Amino acid sequence: MTPSFKAKAAALLWYKAGWGDEVVPPEQIVCYGCVSAGWCRYGIQPCASGKGVDNCGQCDDYPCDKILKAFEKAEVYAGVVTEKLSKEDCELFQRVFFSKKENPDKANREYLARRKRRENRDSE
């Protein structure tokens, strides 16, 4: 399944789950991983942008209270989805929208590894 198809399917599922009066453009609902560009219903985008990081996983404060609250809200929404959609639809929705923690966690691991390499290089 291509990302474009998954995003369109997620937008339809968003509507089927009762979270909108119409099918919205996929970019309004797909999580891109707590990035500084784009729209975020959890308020992460302004924070990441204000701190000058591309992804909140690159922030020295990660994981902060704001992102932990976003992860908690996503879990609540995920629970609601499982009550309203078929198992197959829930699995698709999970892959497209509710894998929020994976992207910033990966960005944080990469950020910390780069920072450690830089510190090692500077100490030589």
PDB file of N, CA and C in Angstrom:
ATOM      1  N   MET A   1       0.844  -1.167   0.000  1.00  0.00           N
ATOM      2  CA  MET A   1       0.000   0.000   0.000  1.00  0.00           C
ATOM      3  C   MET A   1       0.899   1.243   0.000  1.00  0.00           C
ATOM      4  N   THR A   2       0.698   2.130  -0.931  1.00  0.00           N
ATOM      5  CA  THR A   2       1.529   3.329  -1.026  1.00  0.00           C
ATOM      6  C   THR A   2       1.158   4.315   0.075  1.00  0.00           C
ATOM      7  N   PRO A   3       2.103   5.211   0.451  1.00  0.00           N
ATOM      8  CA  PRO A   3       1.779   6.214   1.479  1.00  0.00           C
ATOM      9  C   PRO A   3       0.568   7.063   1.116  1.00  0.00           C
ATOM     10  N   SER A   4       0.437   7.420  -0.168  1.00  0.00           N
ATOM     11  CA  SER A   4      -0.687   8.244  -0.596  1.00  0.00           C
ATOM     12  C   SER A   4      -2.007   7.504  -0.374  1.00  0.00           C
ATOM     13  N   PHE A   5      -2.026   6.226  -0.748  1.00  0.00           N
ATOM     14  CA  PHE A   5      -3.241   5.440  -0.563  1.00  0.00           C
ATOM     15  C   PHE A   5      -3.551   5.287   0.927  1.00  0.00           C
ATOM     16  N   LYS A   6      -2.517   5.017   1.721  1.00  0.00           N
ATOM     17  CA  LYS A   6      -2.726   4.859   3.158  1.00  0.00           C
ATOM     18  C   LYS A   6      -3.273   6.148   3.774  1.00  0.00           C
ATOM     19  N   ALA A   7      -2.747   7.281   3.333  1.00  0.00           N
ATOM     20  CA  ALA A   7      -3.207   8.561   3.870  1.00  0.00           C
ATOM     21  C   ALA A   7      -4.670   8.809   3.502  1.00  0.00           C
ATOM     22  N   LYS A   8      -5.042   8.506   2.262  1.00  0.00           N
ATOM     23  CA  LYS A   8      -6.437   8.685   1.840  1.00  0.00           C
ATOM     24  C   LYS A   8      -7.350   7.737   2.597  1.00  0.00           C
ATOM     25  N   ALA A   9      -6.882   6.498   2.790  1.00  0.00           N
ATOM     26  CA  ALA A   9      -7.672   5.522   3.540  1.00  0.00           C
ATOM     27  C   ALA A   9      -7.839   5.987   4.987  1.00  0.00           C
ATOM     28  N   ALA A  10      -6.790   6.528   5.559  1.00  0.00           N
ATOM     29  CA  ALA A  10      -6.868   7.015   6.945  1.00  0.00           C
ATOM     30  C   ALA A  10      -7.849   8.170   7.053  1.00  0.00           C
ATOM     31  N   ALA A  11      -7.868   9.049   6.050  1.00  0.00           N
ATOM     32  CA  ALA A  11      -8.805  10.172   6.061  1.00  0.00           C
ATOM     33  C   ALA A  11     -10.245   9.663   6.033  1.00  0.00           C
ATOM     34  N   LEU A  12     -10.504   8.637   5.249  1.00  0.00           N
ATOM     35  CA  LEU A  12     -11.840   8.049   5.208  1.00  0.00           C
ATOM     36  C   LEU A  12     -12.171   7.384   6.548  1.00  0.00           C
ATOM     37  N   LEU A  13     -11.199   6.684   7.116  1.00  0.00           N
ATOM     38  CA  LEU A  13     -11.422   6.039   8.410  1.00  0.00           C
ATOM     39  C   LEU A  13     -11.660   7.070   9.508  1.00  0.00           C
ATOM     40  N   TRP A  14     -10.966   8.192   9.432  1.00  0.00           N
ATOM     41  CA  TRP A  14     -11.158   9.292  10.386  1.00  0.00           C
ATOM     42  C   TRP A  14     -12.628   9.703  10.382  1.00  0.00           C
ATOM     43  N   TYR A  15     -13.174   9.836   9.182  1.00  0.00           N
ATOM     44  CA  TYR A  15     -14.588  10.198   9.029  1.00  0.00           C
ATOM     45  C   TYR A  15     -15.489   9.078   9.570  1.00  0.00           C
ATOM     46  N   LYS A  16     -15.175   7.824   9.215  1.00  0.00           N
ATOM     47  CA  LYS A  16     -15.975   6.692   9.664  1.00  0.00           C
ATOM     48  C   LYS A  16     -15.941   6.556  11.190  1.00  0.00           C
ATOM     49  N   ALA A  17     -14.844   6.954  11.805  1.00  0.00           N
ATOM     50  CA  ALA A  17     -14.720   6.874  13.259  1.00  0.00           C
ATOM     51  C   ALA A  17     -15.531   7.967  13.952  1.00  0.00           C
ATOM     52  N   GLY A  18     -16.076   8.911  13.174  1.00  0.00           N
ATOM     53  CA  GLY A  18     -16.900   9.963  13.744  1.00  0.00           C
ATOM     54  C   GLY A  18     -16.133  11.198  14.160  1.00  0.00           C
ATOM     55  N   TRP A  19     -14.923  11.384  13.621  1.00  0.00           N
ATOM     56  CA  TRP A  19     -14.102  12.523  14.020  1.00  0.00           C
ATOM     57  C   TRP A  19     -14.151  13.656  13.001  1.00  0.00           C
ATOM     58  N   GLY A  20     -15.214  13.750  12.271  1.00  0.00           N
ATOM     59  CA  GLY A  20     -15.361  14.842  11.316  1.00  0.00           C
ATOM     60  C   GLY A  20     -16.686  14.732  10.601  1.00  0.00           C
ATOM     61  N   ASP A  21     -17.149  15.849  10.089  1.00  0.00           N
ATOM     62  CA  ASP A  21     -18.406  15.884   9.350  1.00  0.00           C
ATOM     63  C   ASP A  21     -18.209  15.561   7.882  1.00  0.00           C
ATOM     64  N   GLU A  22     -16.952  15.513   7.462  1.00  0.00           N
ATOM     65  CA  GLU A  22     -16.630  15.221   6.069  1.00  0.00           C
ATOM     66  C   GLU A  22     -15.248  14.577   6.011  1.00  0.00           C
ATOM     67  N   VAL A  23     -14.949  13.986   4.862  1.00  0.00           N
ATOM     68  CA  VAL A  23     -13.622  13.414   4.670  1.00  0.00           C
ATOM     69  C   VAL A  23     -12.671  14.573   4.405  1.00  0.00           C
ATOM     70  N   VAL A  24     -11.678  14.724   5.259  1.00  0.00           N
ATOM     71  CA  VAL A  24     -10.737  15.841   5.151  1.00  0.00           C
ATOM     72  C   VAL A  24      -9.499  15.403   4.372  1.00  0.00           C
ATOM     73  N   PRO A  25      -8.720  16.374   3.899  1.00  0.00           N
ATOM     74  CA  PRO A  25      -7.476  16.019   3.218  1.00  0.00           C
ATOM     75  C   PRO A  25      -6.572  15.226   4.167  1.00  0.00           C
ATOM     76  N   PRO A  26      -5.910  14.191   3.663  1.00  0.00           N
ATOM     77  CA  PRO A  26      -5.067  13.342   4.506  1.00  0.00           C
ATOM     78  C   PRO A  26      -4.019  14.101   5.307  1.00  0.00           C
ATOM     79  N   GLU A  27      -3.473  15.176   4.756  1.00  0.00           N
ATOM     80  CA  GLU A  27      -2.421  15.904   5.468  1.00  0.00           C
ATOM     81  C   GLU A  27      -2.924  16.535   6.767  1.00  0.00           C
ATOM     82  N   GLN A  28      -4.236  16.622   6.936  1.00  0.00           N
ATOM     83  CA  GLN A  28      -4.784  17.176   8.171  1.00  0.00           C
ATOM     84  C   GLN A  28      -4.837  16.154   9.300  1.00  0.00           C
ATOM     85  N   ILE A  29      -4.656  14.873   8.981  1.00  0.00           N
ATOM     86  CA  ILE A  29      -4.768  13.872  10.036  1.00  0.00           C
ATOM     87  C   ILE A  29      -3.566  12.958  10.178  1.00  0.00           C
ATOM     88  N   VAL A  30      -2.773  12.808   9.133  1.00  0.00           N
ATOM     89  CA  VAL A  30      -1.654  11.876   9.205  1.00  0.00           C
ATOM     90  C   VAL A  30      -0.554  12.456  10.087  1.00  0.00           C
ATOM     91  N   CYS A  31      -0.032  11.658  10.968  1.00  0.00           N
ATOM     92  CA  CYS A  31       1.049  12.096  11.840  1.00  0.00           C
ATOM     93  C   CYS A  31       2.377  11.930  11.114  1.00  0.00           C
ATOM     94  N   TYR A  32       3.127  13.008  11.021  1.00  0.00           N
ATOM     95  CA  TYR A  32       4.426  12.964  10.363  1.00  0.00           C
ATOM     96  C   TYR A  32       5.570  12.857  11.365  1.00  0.00           C
ATOM     97  N   GLY A  33       5.243  12.601  12.610  1.00  0.00           N
ATOM     98  CA  GLY A  33       6.293  12.342  13.582  1.00  0.00           C
ATOM     99  C   GLY A  33       6.771  13.540  14.367  1.00  0.00           C
ATOM    100  N   CYS A  34       5.880  14.396  14.795  1.00  0.00           N
ATOM    101  CA  CYS A  34       6.249  15.503  15.681  1.00  0.00           C
ATOM    102  C   CYS A  34       7.298  16.405  15.043  1.00  0.00           C
ATOM    103  N   VAL A  35       7.013  16.849  13.854  1.00  0.00           N
ATOM    104  CA  VAL A  35       7.943  17.679  13.104  1.00  0.00           C
ATOM    105  C   VAL A  35       7.598  19.151  13.249  1.00  0.00           C
ATOM    106  N   SER A  36       8.571  20.010  12.927  1.00  0.00           N
ATOM    107  CA  SER A  36       8.360  21.448  13.081  1.00  0.00           C
ATOM    108  C   SER A  36       7.559  22.049  11.933  1.00  0.00           C
ATOM    109  N   ALA A  37       7.444  21.349  10.812  1.00  0.00           N
ATOM    110  CA  ALA A  37       6.671  21.838   9.670  1.00  0.00           C
ATOM    111  C   ALA A  37       5.330  21.110   9.637  1.00  0.00           C
ATOM    112  N   GLY A  38       4.280  21.808   9.286  1.00  0.00           N
ATOM    113  CA  GLY A  38       2.979  21.178   9.171  1.00  0.00           C
ATOM    114  C   GLY A  38       2.097  21.443  10.373  1.00  0.00           C
ATOM    115  N   TRP A  39       0.889  20.919  10.278  1.00  0.00           N
ATOM    116  CA  TRP A  39      -0.130  21.143  11.289  1.00  0.00           C
ATOM    117  C   TRP A  39      -0.124  19.992  12.279  1.00  0.00           C
ATOM    118  N   CYS A  40      -0.395  20.286  13.547  1.00  0.00           N
ATOM    119  CA  CYS A  40      -0.428  19.235  14.563  1.00  0.00           C
ATOM    120  C   CYS A  40      -1.547  19.517  15.555  1.00  0.00           C
ATOM    121  N   ARG A  41      -2.467  18.582  15.696  1.00  0.00           N
ATOM    122  CA  ARG A  41      -3.588  18.749  16.620  1.00  0.00           C
ATOM    123  C   ARG A  41      -3.138  18.743  18.064  1.00  0.00           C
ATOM    124  N   TYR A  42      -1.938  18.275  18.345  1.00  0.00           N
ATOM    125  CA  TYR A  42      -1.445  18.177  19.716  1.00  0.00           C
ATOM    126  C   TYR A  42      -0.569  19.363  20.129  1.00  0.00           C
ATOM    127  N   GLY A  43      -0.358  20.321  19.238  1.00  0.00           N
ATOM    128  CA  GLY A  43       0.425  21.504  19.574  1.00  0.00           C
ATOM    129  C   GLY A  43       1.926  21.268  19.588  1.00  0.00           C
ATOM    130  N   ILE A  44       2.373  20.193  18.972  1.00  0.00           N
ATOM    131  CA  ILE A  44       3.795  19.871  18.957  1.00  0.00           C
ATOM    132  C   ILE A  44       4.540  20.738  17.947  1.00  0.00           C
ATOM    133  N   GLN A  45       3.918  21.012  16.827  1.00  0.00           N
ATOM    134  CA  GLN A  45       4.588  21.763  15.756  1.00  0.00           C
ATOM    135  C   GLN A  45       5.107  23.113  16.228  1.00  0.00           C
ATOM    136  N   PRO A  46       4.311  23.945  16.903  1.00  0.00           N
ATOM    137  CA  PRO A  46       4.848  25.240  17.336  1.00  0.00           C
ATOM    138  C   PRO A  46       6.011  25.097  18.323  1.00  0.00           C
ATOM    139  N   CYS A  47       5.958  24.078  19.149  1.00  0.00           N
ATOM    140  CA  CYS A  47       7.032  23.861  20.122  1.00  0.00           C
ATOM    141  C   CYS A  47       8.323  23.476  19.401  1.00  0.00           C
ATOM    142  N   ALA A  48       8.244  22.489  18.506  1.00  0.00           N
ATOM    143  CA  ALA A  48       9.430  22.050  17.765  1.00  0.00           C
ATOM    144  C   ALA A  48       9.993  23.196  16.931  1.00  0.00           C
ATOM    145  N   SER A  49       9.112  23.927  16.271  1.00  0.00           N
ATOM    146  CA  SER A  49       9.542  25.057  15.453  1.00  0.00           C
ATOM    147  C   SER A  49      10.203  26.133  16.312  1.00  0.00           C
ATOM    148  N   GLY A  50       9.601  26.427  17.458  1.00  0.00           N
ATOM    149  CA  GLY A  50      10.140  27.445  18.359  1.00  0.00           C
ATOM    150  C   GLY A  50      11.504  27.074  18.928  1.00  0.00           C
ATOM    151  N   LYS A  51      11.755  25.790  19.054  1.00  0.00           N
ATOM    152  CA  LYS A  51      13.054  25.337  19.571  1.00  0.00           C
ATOM    153  C   LYS A  51      14.067  25.106  18.451  1.00  0.00           C
ATOM    154  N   GLY A  52      13.615  25.297  17.203  1.00  0.00           N
ATOM    155  CA  GLY A  52      14.531  25.172  16.070  1.00  0.00           C
ATOM    156  C   GLY A  52      14.952  23.751  15.745  1.00  0.00           C
ATOM    157  N   VAL A  53      14.084  22.774  16.037  1.00  0.00           N
ATOM    158  CA  VAL A  53      14.395  21.392  15.692  1.00  0.00           C
ATOM    159  C   VAL A  53      13.442  20.920  14.595  1.00  0.00           C
ATOM    160  N   ASP A  54      13.915  20.010  13.766  1.00  0.00           N
ATOM    161  CA  ASP A  54      13.074  19.473  12.699  1.00  0.00           C
ATOM    162  C   ASP A  54      12.056  18.476  13.236  1.00  0.00           C
ATOM    163  N   ASN A  55      12.396  17.808  14.317  1.00  0.00           N
ATOM    164  CA  ASN A  55      11.557  16.777  14.900  1.00  0.00           C
ATOM    165  C   ASN A  55      11.750  16.858  16.411  1.00  0.00           C
ATOM    166  N   CYS A  56      10.699  16.721  17.185  1.00  0.00           N
ATOM    167  CA  CYS A  56      10.849  16.900  18.627  1.00  0.00           C
ATOM    168  C   CYS A  56      11.796  15.875  19.243  1.00  0.00           C
ATOM    169  N   GLY A  57      12.043  14.777  18.559  1.00  0.00           N
ATOM    170  CA  GLY A  57      13.022  13.813  19.032  1.00  0.00           C
ATOM    171  C   GLY A  57      14.438  14.366  19.029  1.00  0.00           C
ATOM    172  N   GLN A  58      14.651  15.491  18.346  1.00  0.00           N
ATOM    173  CA  GLN A  58      15.963  16.128  18.301  1.00  0.00           C
ATOM    174  C   GLN A  58      16.130  17.173  19.403  1.00  0.00           C
ATOM    175  N   CYS A  59      15.141  17.291  20.237  1.00  0.00           N
ATOM    176  CA  CYS A  59      15.176  18.280  21.313  1.00  0.00           C
ATOM    177  C   CYS A  59      15.878  17.702  22.536  1.00  0.00           C
ATOM    178  N   ASP A  60      16.645  18.534  23.213  1.00  0.00           N
ATOM    179  CA  ASP A  60      17.326  18.091  24.424  1.00  0.00           C
ATOM    180  C   ASP A  60      16.343  17.741  25.539  1.00  0.00           C
ATOM    181  N   ASP A  61      15.115  18.253  25.455  1.00  0.00           N
ATOM    182  CA  ASP A  61      14.110  17.994  26.487  1.00  0.00           C
ATOM    183  C   ASP A  61      13.249  16.761  26.197  1.00  0.00           C
ATOM    184  N   TYR A  62      13.500  16.072  25.078  1.00  0.00           N
ATOM    185  CA  TYR A  62      12.691  14.912  24.712  1.00  0.00           C
ATOM    186  C   TYR A  62      12.980  13.746  25.641  1.00  0.00           C
ATOM    187  N   PRO A  63      11.955  13.064  26.116  1.00  0.00           N
ATOM    188  CA  PRO A  63      10.525  13.343  25.977  1.00  0.00           C
ATOM    189  C   PRO A  63      10.050  14.308  27.070  1.00  0.00           C
ATOM    190  N   CYS A  64       9.382  15.351  26.651  1.00  0.00           N
ATOM    191  CA  CYS A  64       8.891  16.359  27.587  1.00  0.00           C
ATOM    192  C   CYS A  64       7.432  16.063  27.945  1.00  0.00           C
ATOM    193  N   ASP A  65       6.892  16.832  28.863  1.00  0.00           N
ATOM    194  CA  ASP A  65       5.498  16.637  29.275  1.00  0.00           C
ATOM    195  C   ASP A  65       4.540  16.805  28.108  1.00  0.00           C
ATOM    196  N   LYS A  66       4.828  17.781  27.229  1.00  0.00           N
ATOM    197  CA  LYS A  66       3.930  18.051  26.101  1.00  0.00           C
ATOM    198  C   LYS A  66       3.826  16.833  25.182  1.00  0.00           C
ATOM    199  N   ILE A  67       4.945  16.229  24.850  1.00  0.00           N
ATOM    200  CA  ILE A  67       4.909  15.084  23.936  1.00  0.00           C
ATOM    201  C   ILE A  67       4.329  13.859  24.639  1.00  0.00           C
ATOM    202  N   LEU A  68       4.613  13.695  25.913  1.00  0.00           N
ATOM    203  CA  LEU A  68       4.045  12.560  26.647  1.00  0.00           C
ATOM    204  C   LEU A  68       2.519  12.665  26.711  1.00  0.00           C
ATOM    205  N   LYS A  69       2.006  13.885  26.878  1.00  0.00           N
ATOM    206  CA  LYS A  69       0.556  14.094  26.877  1.00  0.00           C
ATOM    207  C   LYS A  69      -0.029  13.792  25.496  1.00  0.00           C
ATOM    208  N   ALA A  70       0.693  14.155  24.442  1.00  0.00           N
ATOM    209  CA  ALA A  70       0.230  13.853  23.089  1.00  0.00           C
ATOM    210  C   ALA A  70       0.154  12.343  22.884  1.00  0.00           C
ATOM    211  N   PHE A  71       1.162  11.617  23.350  1.00  0.00           N
ATOM    212  CA  PHE A  71       1.137  10.159  23.234  1.00  0.00           C
ATOM    213  C   PHE A  71      -0.049   9.578  23.998  1.00  0.00           C
ATOM    214  N   GLU A  72      -0.333  10.118  25.186  1.00  0.00           N
ATOM    215  CA  GLU A  72      -1.468   9.644  25.979  1.00  0.00           C
ATOM    216  C   GLU A  72      -2.790   9.899  25.262  1.00  0.00           C
ATOM    217  N   LYS A  73      -2.944  11.103  24.686  1.00  0.00           N
ATOM    218  CA  LYS A  73      -4.176  11.423  23.949  1.00  0.00           C
ATOM    219  C   LYS A  73      -4.343  10.489  22.758  1.00  0.00           C
ATOM    220  N   ALA A  74      -3.264  10.204  22.073  1.00  0.00           N
ATOM    221  CA  ALA A  74      -3.324   9.309  20.917  1.00  0.00           C
ATOM    222  C   ALA A  74      -3.799   7.924  21.340  1.00  0.00           C
ATOM    223  N   GLU A  75      -3.362   7.470  22.494  1.00  0.00           N
ATOM    224  CA  GLU A  75      -3.806   6.167  22.990  1.00  0.00           C
ATOM    225  C   GLU A  75      -5.309   6.163  23.272  1.00  0.00           C
ATOM    226  N   VAL A  76      -5.814   7.273  23.812  1.00  0.00           N
ATOM    227  CA  VAL A  76      -7.254   7.380  24.063  1.00  0.00           C
ATOM    228  C   VAL A  76      -8.008   7.319  22.741  1.00  0.00           C
ATOM    229  N   TYR A  77      -7.545   8.088  21.748  1.00  0.00           N
ATOM    230  CA  TYR A  77      -8.180   8.074  20.433  1.00  0.00           C
ATOM    231  C   TYR A  77      -8.110   6.681  19.816  1.00  0.00           C
ATOM    232  N   ALA A  78      -6.998   6.009  19.989  1.00  0.00           N
ATOM    233  CA  ALA A  78      -6.847   4.660  19.438  1.00  0.00           C
ATOM    234  C   ALA A  78      -7.891   3.726  20.039  1.00  0.00           C
ATOM    235  N   GLY A  79      -8.153   3.881  21.334  1.00  0.00           N
ATOM    236  CA  GLY A  79      -9.178   3.066  21.979  1.00  0.00           C
ATOM    237  C   GLY A  79     -10.557   3.318  21.404  1.00  0.00           C
ATOM    238  N   VAL A  80     -10.863   4.571  21.117  1.00  0.00           N
ATOM    239  CA  VAL A  80     -12.154   4.926  20.529  1.00  0.00           C
ATOM    240  C   VAL A  80     -12.286   4.301  19.146  1.00  0.00           C
ATOM    241  N   VAL A  81     -11.212   4.339  18.383  1.00  0.00           N
ATOM    242  CA  VAL A  81     -11.231   3.782  17.027  1.00  0.00           C
ATOM    243  C   VAL A  81     -11.555   2.295  17.062  1.00  0.00           C
ATOM    244  N   THR A  82     -10.970   1.578  17.992  1.00  0.00           N
ATOM    245  CA  THR A  82     -11.197   0.130  18.034  1.00  0.00           C
ATOM    246  C   THR A  82     -12.663  -0.194  18.321  1.00  0.00           C
ATOM    247  N   GLU A  83     -13.375   0.721  18.956  1.00  0.00           N
ATOM    248  CA  GLU A  83     -14.789   0.509  19.223  1.00  0.00           C
ATOM    249  C   GLU A  83     -15.663   0.783  18.000  1.00  0.00           C
ATOM    250  N   LYS A  84     -15.181   1.589  17.059  1.00  0.00           N
ATOM    251  CA  LYS A  84     -16.026   2.047  15.963  1.00  0.00           C
ATOM    252  C   LYS A  84     -15.702   1.431  14.607  1.00  0.00           C
ATOM    253  N   LEU A  85     -14.510   0.864  14.444  1.00  0.00           N
ATOM    254  CA  LEU A  85     -14.095   0.368  13.139  1.00  0.00           C
ATOM    255  C   LEU A  85     -13.845  -1.133  13.164  1.00  0.00           C
ATOM    256  N   SER A  86     -13.835  -1.708  11.973  1.00  0.00           N
ATOM    257  CA  SER A  86     -13.520  -3.134  11.871  1.00  0.00           C
ATOM    258  C   SER A  86     -12.060  -3.371  12.261  1.00  0.00           C
ATOM    259  N   LYS A  87     -11.720  -4.615  12.527  1.00  0.00           N
ATOM    260  CA  LYS A  87     -10.354  -4.954  12.914  1.00  0.00           C
ATOM    261  C   LYS A  87      -9.368  -4.543  11.819  1.00  0.00           C
ATOM    262  N   GLU A  88      -9.718  -4.821  10.571  1.00  0.00           N
ATOM    263  CA  GLU A  88      -8.845  -4.463   9.437  1.00  0.00           C
ATOM    264  C   GLU A  88      -8.660  -2.953   9.340  1.00  0.00           C
ATOM    265  N   ASP A  89      -9.749  -2.213   9.481  1.00  0.00           N
ATOM    266  CA  ASP A  89      -9.665  -0.749   9.431  1.00  0.00           C
ATOM    267  C   ASP A  89      -8.844  -0.213  10.598  1.00  0.00           C
ATOM    268  N   CYS A  90      -9.014  -0.821  11.770  1.00  0.00           N
ATOM    269  CA  CYS A  90      -8.239  -0.396  12.947  1.00  0.00           C
ATOM    270  C   CYS A  90      -6.743  -0.592  12.719  1.00  0.00           C
ATOM    271  N   GLU A  91      -6.372  -1.716  12.118  1.00  0.00           N
ATOM    272  CA  GLU A  91      -4.957  -1.987  11.864  1.00  0.00           C
ATOM    273  C   GLU A  91      -4.368  -0.954  10.905  1.00  0.00           C
ATOM    274  N   LEU A  92      -5.105  -0.614   9.857  1.00  0.00           N
ATOM    275  CA  LEU A  92      -4.644   0.407   8.915  1.00  0.00           C
ATOM    276  C   LEU A  92      -4.527   1.754   9.620  1.00  0.00           C
ATOM    277  N   PHE A  93      -5.538   2.108  10.370  1.00  0.00           N
ATOM    278  CA  PHE A  93      -5.535   3.381  11.086  1.00  0.00           C
ATOM    279  C   PHE A  93      -4.353   3.442  12.040  1.00  0.00           C
ATOM    280  N   GLN A  94      -4.078   2.342  12.710  1.00  0.00           N
ATOM    281  CA  GLN A  94      -2.951   2.272  13.642  1.00  0.00           C
ATOM    282  C   GLN A  94      -1.640   2.553  12.919  1.00  0.00           C
ATOM    283  N   ARG A  95      -1.434   1.912  11.781  1.00  0.00           N
ATOM    284  CA  ARG A  95      -0.175   2.096  11.039  1.00  0.00           C
ATOM    285  C   ARG A  95      -0.018   3.519  10.537  1.00  0.00           C
ATOM    286  N   VAL A  96      -1.106   4.121  10.088  1.00  0.00           N
ATOM    287  CA  VAL A  96      -1.020   5.445   9.479  1.00  0.00           C
ATOM    288  C   VAL A  96      -1.000   6.565  10.513  1.00  0.00           C
ATOM    289  N   PHE A  97      -1.781   6.434  11.574  1.00  0.00           N
ATOM    290  CA  PHE A  97      -1.956   7.575  12.459  1.00  0.00           C
ATOM    291  C   PHE A  97      -1.446   7.385  13.882  1.00  0.00           C
ATOM    292  N   PHE A  98      -1.586   6.221  14.444  1.00  0.00           N
ATOM    293  CA  PHE A  98      -1.309   6.060  15.866  1.00  0.00           C
ATOM    294  C   PHE A  98       0.070   5.524  16.196  1.00  0.00           C
ATOM    295  N   SER A  99       0.985   5.596  15.281  1.00  0.00           N
ATOM    296  CA  SER A  99       2.360   5.188  15.560  1.00  0.00           C
ATOM    297  C   SER A  99       3.187   6.418  15.906  1.00  0.00           C
ATOM    298  N   LYS A 100       2.635   7.276  16.715  1.00  0.00           N
ATOM    299  CA  LYS A 100       3.238   8.574  17.006  1.00  0.00           C
ATOM    300  C   LYS A 100       4.594   8.496  17.675  1.00  0.00           C
ATOM    301  N   LYS A 101       4.779   7.589  18.566  1.00  0.00           N
ATOM    302  CA  LYS A 101       5.993   7.553  19.370  1.00  0.00           C
ATOM    303  C   LYS A 101       7.198   7.054  18.574  1.00  0.00           C
ATOM    304  N   GLU A 102       6.968   6.238  17.565  1.00  0.00           N
ATOM    305  CA  GLU A 102       8.067   5.634  16.809  1.00  0.00           C
ATOM    306  C   GLU A 102       8.953   6.668  16.116  1.00  0.00           C
ATOM    307  N   ASN A 103       8.350   7.644  15.447  1.00  0.00           N
ATOM    308  CA  ASN A 103       9.148   8.623  14.695  1.00  0.00           C
ATOM    309  C   ASN A 103      10.030   9.487  15.586  1.00  0.00           C
ATOM    310  N   PRO A 104       9.488  10.131  16.632  1.00  0.00           N
ATOM    311  CA  PRO A 104      10.379  10.943  17.471  1.00  0.00           C
ATOM    312  C   PRO A 104      11.381  10.102  18.251  1.00  0.00           C
ATOM    313  N   ASP A 105      11.006   8.875  18.622  1.00  0.00           N
ATOM    314  CA  ASP A 105      11.972   8.001  19.303  1.00  0.00           C
ATOM    315  C   ASP A 105      13.162   7.719  18.388  1.00  0.00           C
ATOM    316  N   LYS A 106      12.881   7.425  17.128  1.00  0.00           N
ATOM    317  CA  LYS A 106      13.950   7.171  16.152  1.00  0.00           C
ATOM    318  C   LYS A 106      14.794   8.424  15.962  1.00  0.00           C
ATOM    319  N   ALA A 107      14.136   9.568  15.814  1.00  0.00           N
ATOM    320  CA  ALA A 107      14.870  10.829  15.643  1.00  0.00           C
ATOM    321  C   ALA A 107      15.736  11.108  16.864  1.00  0.00           C
ATOM    322  N   ASN A 108      15.241  10.782  18.061  1.00  0.00           N
ATOM    323  CA  ASN A 108      16.003  11.013  19.275  1.00  0.00           C
ATOM    324  C   ASN A 108      17.230  10.109  19.336  1.00  0.00           C
ATOM    325  N   ARG A 109      17.074   8.846  18.975  1.00  0.00           N
ATOM    326  CA  ARG A 109      18.233   7.945  18.963  1.00  0.00           C
ATOM    327  C   ARG A 109      19.304   8.449  17.995  1.00  0.00           C
ATOM    328  N   GLU A 110      18.879   8.883  16.809  1.00  0.00           N
ATOM    329  CA  GLU A 110      19.823   9.392  15.808  1.00  0.00           C
ATOM    330  C   GLU A 110      20.474  10.683  16.298  1.00  0.00           C
ATOM    331  N   TYR A 111      19.689  11.578  16.897  1.00  0.00           N
ATOM    332  CA  TYR A 111      20.201  12.846  17.415  1.00  0.00           C
ATOM    333  C   TYR A 111      21.245  12.605  18.501  1.00  0.00           C
ATOM    334  N   LEU A 112      20.941  11.725  19.444  1.00  0.00           N
ATOM    335  CA  LEU A 112      21.884  11.440  20.529  1.00  0.00           C
ATOM    336  C   LEU A 112      23.166  10.788  20.008  1.00  0.00           C
ATOM    337  N   ALA A 113      23.045   9.924  19.011  1.00  0.00           N
ATOM    338  CA  ALA A 113      24.230   9.288  18.431  1.00  0.00           C
ATOM    339  C   ALA A 113      25.104  10.329  17.728  1.00  0.00           C
ATOM    340  N   ARG A 114      24.487  11.251  16.975  1.00  0.00           N
ATOM    341  CA  ARG A 114      25.251  12.321  16.308  1.00  0.00           C
ATOM    342  C   ARG A 114      25.927  13.213  17.331  1.00  0.00           C
ATOM    343  N   ARG A 115      25.190  13.565  18.382  1.00  0.00           N
ATOM    344  CA  ARG A 115      25.749  14.426  19.420  1.00  0.00           C
ATOM    345  C   ARG A 115      26.931  13.744  20.111  1.00  0.00           C
ATOM    346  N   LYS A 116      26.832  12.465  20.378  1.00  0.00           N
ATOM    347  CA  LYS A 116      27.918  11.733  21.017  1.00  0.00           C
ATOM    348  C   LYS A 116      29.144  11.669  20.105  1.00  0.00           C
ATOM    349  N   ARG A 117      28.924  11.422  18.808  1.00  0.00           N
ATOM    350  CA  ARG A 117      30.045  11.406  17.854  1.00  0.00           C
ATOM    351  C   ARG A 117      30.729  12.767  17.806  1.00  0.00           C
ATOM    352  N   ARG A 118      29.920  13.835  17.814  1.00  0.00           N
ATOM    353  CA  ARG A 118      30.459  15.193  17.781  1.00  0.00           C
ATOM    354  C   ARG A 118      31.264  15.480  19.051  1.00  0.00           C
ATOM    355  N   GLU A 119      30.739  15.091  20.200  1.00  0.00           N
ATOM    356  CA  GLU A 119      31.445  15.293  21.460  1.00  0.00           C
ATOM    357  C   GLU A 119      32.765  14.506  21.497  1.00  0.00           C
ATOM    358  N   ASN A 120      32.726  13.274  20.996  1.00  0.00           N
ATOM    359  CA  ASN A 120      33.953  12.461  20.941  1.00  0.00           C
ATOM    360  C   ASN A 120      34.989  13.102  20.024  1.00  0.00           C
ATOM    361  N   ARG A 121      34.517  13.604  18.897  1.00  0.00           N
ATOM    362  CA  ARG A 121      35.418  14.248  17.935  1.00  0.00           C
ATOM    363  C   ARG A 121      36.025  15.508  18.541  1.00  0.00           C
ATOM    364  N   ASP A 122      35.215  16.276  19.262  1.00  0.00           N
ATOM    365  CA  ASP A 122      35.682  17.511  19.871  1.00  0.00           C
ATOM    366  C   ASP A 122      36.672  17.267  21.012  1.00  0.00           C
ATOM    367  N   SER A 123      36.548  16.123  21.678  1.00  0.00           N
ATOM    368  CA  SER A 123      37.429  15.838  22.813  1.00  0.00           C
ATOM    369  C   SER A 123      38.772  15.249  22.386  1.00  0.00           C
ATOM    370  N   GLU A 124      38.910  14.903  21.125  1.00  0.00           N
ATOM    371  CA  GLU A 124      40.174  14.323  20.629  1.00  0.00           C
ATOM    372  C   GLU A 124      41.223  15.377  20.405  1.00  0.00           C
TER     373      GLU A 124
END
